[in-house]
Amino acid sequence: MAKVTIYTKEGCPFSTRAIEMLEEKGISYDEISITGSAERRAEMMAASGGHRTTPQILIDGEPLGGADDLEEADRAGRLASMLLAPAPAP
């Protein structure tokens, strides 16, 4: 199973929506809160290709995008295959 990382911000309804979707689907994830942390925000921006909004979701380190992108990948049937893809070698 691919590793899912989600950068979130306290009070962000899109972060909440994305986490709820992941949990409803039984998808394990690592959550990194950027609330009050310039260092974590910079980390998120570097990992996501410069995106500043939350959430930012990465699958095996590859940026997927935000909550809307997660939902679209699921609707299009791409999410399941992304999650089953083998993790890249270290």
C-alpha atoms as a PDB file:
ATOM      1  CA  MET A   1       0.000   0.000   0.000  1.00  0.00           C
ATOM      2  CA  ALA A   2       1.248   3.459  -0.862  1.00  0.00           C
ATOM      3  CA  LYS A   3       2.127   5.939   1.876  1.00  0.00           C
ATOM      4  CA  VAL A   4      -0.325   8.822   2.153  1.00  0.00           C
ATOM      5  CA  THR A   5       0.750  12.078   3.770  1.00  0.00           C
ATOM      6  CA  ILE A   6      -1.645  14.962   4.329  1.00  0.00           C
ATOM      7  CA  TYR A   7      -0.612  18.457   5.384  1.00  0.00           C
ATOM      8  CA  THR A   8      -3.433  20.147   7.275  1.00  0.00           C
ATOM      9  CA  LYS A   9      -4.228  23.384   9.061  1.00  0.00           C
ATOM     10  CA  GLU A  10      -6.409  23.740  12.147  1.00  0.00           C
ATOM     11  CA  GLY A  11      -9.844  25.102  11.286  1.00  0.00           C
ATOM     12  CA  CYS A  12      -9.535  24.336   7.570  1.00  0.00           C
ATOM     13  CA  PRO A  13     -12.790  22.768   6.335  1.00  0.00           C
ATOM     14  CA  PHE A  14     -11.034  21.301   3.295  1.00  0.00           C
ATOM     15  CA  SER A  15      -8.511  19.543   5.538  1.00  0.00           C
ATOM     16  CA  THR A  16     -11.383  18.133   7.585  1.00  0.00           C
ATOM     17  CA  ARG A  17     -13.199  16.988   4.445  1.00  0.00           C
ATOM     18  CA  ALA A  18     -10.112  15.221   3.057  1.00  0.00           C
ATOM     19  CA  ILE A  19      -9.384  13.461   6.356  1.00  0.00           C
ATOM     20  CA  GLU A  20     -13.004  12.337   6.648  1.00  0.00           C
ATOM     21  CA  MET A  21     -12.842  10.862   3.149  1.00  0.00           C
ATOM     22  CA  LEU A  22      -9.596   9.030   3.865  1.00  0.00           C
ATOM     23  CA  GLU A  23     -11.029   7.621   7.086  1.00  0.00           C
ATOM     24  CA  GLU A  24     -14.337   6.603   5.461  1.00  0.00           C
ATOM     25  CA  LYS A  25     -12.361   4.670   2.853  1.00  0.00           C
ATOM     26  CA  GLY A  26     -10.116   3.073   5.489  1.00  0.00           C
ATOM     27  CA  ILE A  27      -7.001   4.680   4.022  1.00  0.00           C
ATOM     28  CA  SER A  28      -4.109   5.036   6.470  1.00  0.00           C
ATOM     29  CA  TYR A  29      -2.341   8.391   6.416  1.00  0.00           C
ATOM     30  CA  ASP A  30       0.237  10.474   8.206  1.00  0.00           C
ATOM     31  CA  GLU A  31      -1.074  13.910   9.155  1.00  0.00           C
ATOM     32  CA  ILE A  32       1.283  16.855   9.436  1.00  0.00           C
ATOM     33  CA  SER A  33      -0.247  20.023  10.852  1.00  0.00           C
ATOM     34  CA  ILE A  34       1.238  23.277   9.595  1.00  0.00           C
ATOM     35  CA  THR A  35      -0.731  25.336  12.135  1.00  0.00           C
ATOM     36  CA  GLY A  36       1.601  27.917  13.652  1.00  0.00           C
ATOM     37  CA  SER A  37       4.723  26.429  12.065  1.00  0.00           C
ATOM     38  CA  ALA A  38       6.566  28.316   9.356  1.00  0.00           C
ATOM     39  CA  GLU A  39       8.944  25.358   9.082  1.00  0.00           C
ATOM     40  CA  ARG A  40       6.120  22.871   8.414  1.00  0.00           C
ATOM     41  CA  ARG A  41       4.496  25.290   5.924  1.00  0.00           C
ATOM     42  CA  ALA A  42       7.790  25.553   4.034  1.00  0.00           C
ATOM     43  CA  GLU A  43       8.102  21.755   4.107  1.00  0.00           C
ATOM     44  CA  MET A  44       4.579  21.421   2.678  1.00  0.00           C
ATOM     45  CA  MET A  45       5.263  23.947  -0.065  1.00  0.00           C
ATOM     46  CA  ALA A  46       8.475  22.186  -1.066  1.00  0.00           C
ATOM     47  CA  ALA A  47       6.795  18.776  -1.098  1.00  0.00           C
ATOM     48  CA  SER A  48       3.730  19.963  -3.040  1.00  0.00           C
ATOM     49  CA  GLY A  49       5.448  21.944  -5.749  1.00  0.00           C
ATOM     50  CA  GLY A  50       4.833  25.342  -4.162  1.00  0.00           C
ATOM     51  CA  HIS A  51       1.173  25.043  -3.182  1.00  0.00           C
ATOM     52  CA  ARG A  52       0.251  27.202  -0.185  1.00  0.00           C
ATOM     53  CA  THR A  53      -3.260  25.964   0.567  1.00  0.00           C
ATOM     54  CA  THR A  54      -4.318  23.100   2.812  1.00  0.00           C
ATOM     55  CA  PRO A  55      -4.732  20.295   2.641  1.00  0.00           C
ATOM     56  CA  GLN A  56      -1.913  19.071   0.464  1.00  0.00           C
ATOM     57  CA  ILE A  57      -2.014  15.334  -0.090  1.00  0.00           C
ATOM     58  CA  LEU A  58       0.952  13.274  -1.220  1.00  0.00           C
ATOM     59  CA  ILE A  59       0.918   9.639  -2.257  1.00  0.00           C
ATOM     60  CA  ASP A  60       4.354   8.043  -1.955  1.00  0.00           C
ATOM     61  CA  GLY A  61       5.792  11.558  -1.953  1.00  0.00           C
ATOM     62  CA  GLU A  62       4.050  12.555  -5.196  1.00  0.00           C
ATOM     63  CA  PRO A  63       1.702  15.539  -4.895  1.00  0.00           C
ATOM     64  CA  LEU A  64      -1.960  14.758  -5.522  1.00  0.00           C
ATOM     65  CA  GLY A  65      -3.341  18.153  -4.520  1.00  0.00           C
ATOM     66  CA  GLY A  66      -6.118  19.122  -2.150  1.00  0.00           C
ATOM     67  CA  ALA A  67      -9.514  17.806  -1.075  1.00  0.00           C
ATOM     68  CA  ASP A  68     -11.132  18.419  -4.466  1.00  0.00           C
ATOM     69  CA  ASP A  69      -8.290  16.574  -6.205  1.00  0.00           C
ATOM     70  CA  LEU A  70      -8.644  13.650  -3.797  1.00  0.00           C
ATOM     71  CA  GLU A  71     -12.375  13.423  -4.476  1.00  0.00           C
ATOM     72  CA  GLU A  72     -11.862  13.692  -8.239  1.00  0.00           C
ATOM     73  CA  ALA A  73      -9.212  10.945  -8.224  1.00  0.00           C
ATOM     74  CA  ASP A  74     -11.657   8.734  -6.344  1.00  0.00           C
ATOM     75  CA  ARG A  75     -14.584   9.511  -8.694  1.00  0.00           C
ATOM     76  CA  ALA A  76     -12.412   8.838 -11.743  1.00  0.00           C
ATOM     77  CA  GLY A  77     -11.220   5.524 -10.294  1.00  0.00           C
ATOM     78  CA  ARG A  78      -7.580   6.627 -10.141  1.00  0.00           C
ATOM     79  CA  LEU A  79      -7.253   6.744  -6.351  1.00  0.00           C
ATOM     80  CA  ALA A  80      -7.424   2.983  -5.827  1.00  0.00           C
ATOM     81  CA  SER A  81      -4.714   2.318  -8.400  1.00  0.00           C
ATOM     82  CA  MET A  82      -2.541   5.091  -6.970  1.00  0.00           C
ATOM     83  CA  LEU A  83      -2.792   3.527  -3.525  1.00  0.00           C
ATOM     84  CA  LEU A  84      -1.953   0.047  -4.807  1.00  0.00           C
ATOM     85  CA  ALA A  85       1.075   1.171  -6.781  1.00  0.00           C
ATOM     86  CA  PRO A  86       4.296  -0.180  -5.307  1.00  0.00           C
ATOM     87  CA  ALA A  87       6.233   2.280  -3.214  1.00  0.00           C
ATOM     88  CA  PRO A  88       9.392   3.576  -4.895  1.00  0.00           C
ATOM     89  CA  ALA A  89      12.663   2.043  -3.769  1.00  0.00           C
ATOM     90  CA  PRO A  90      14.520   4.173  -1.192  1.00  0.00           C
END
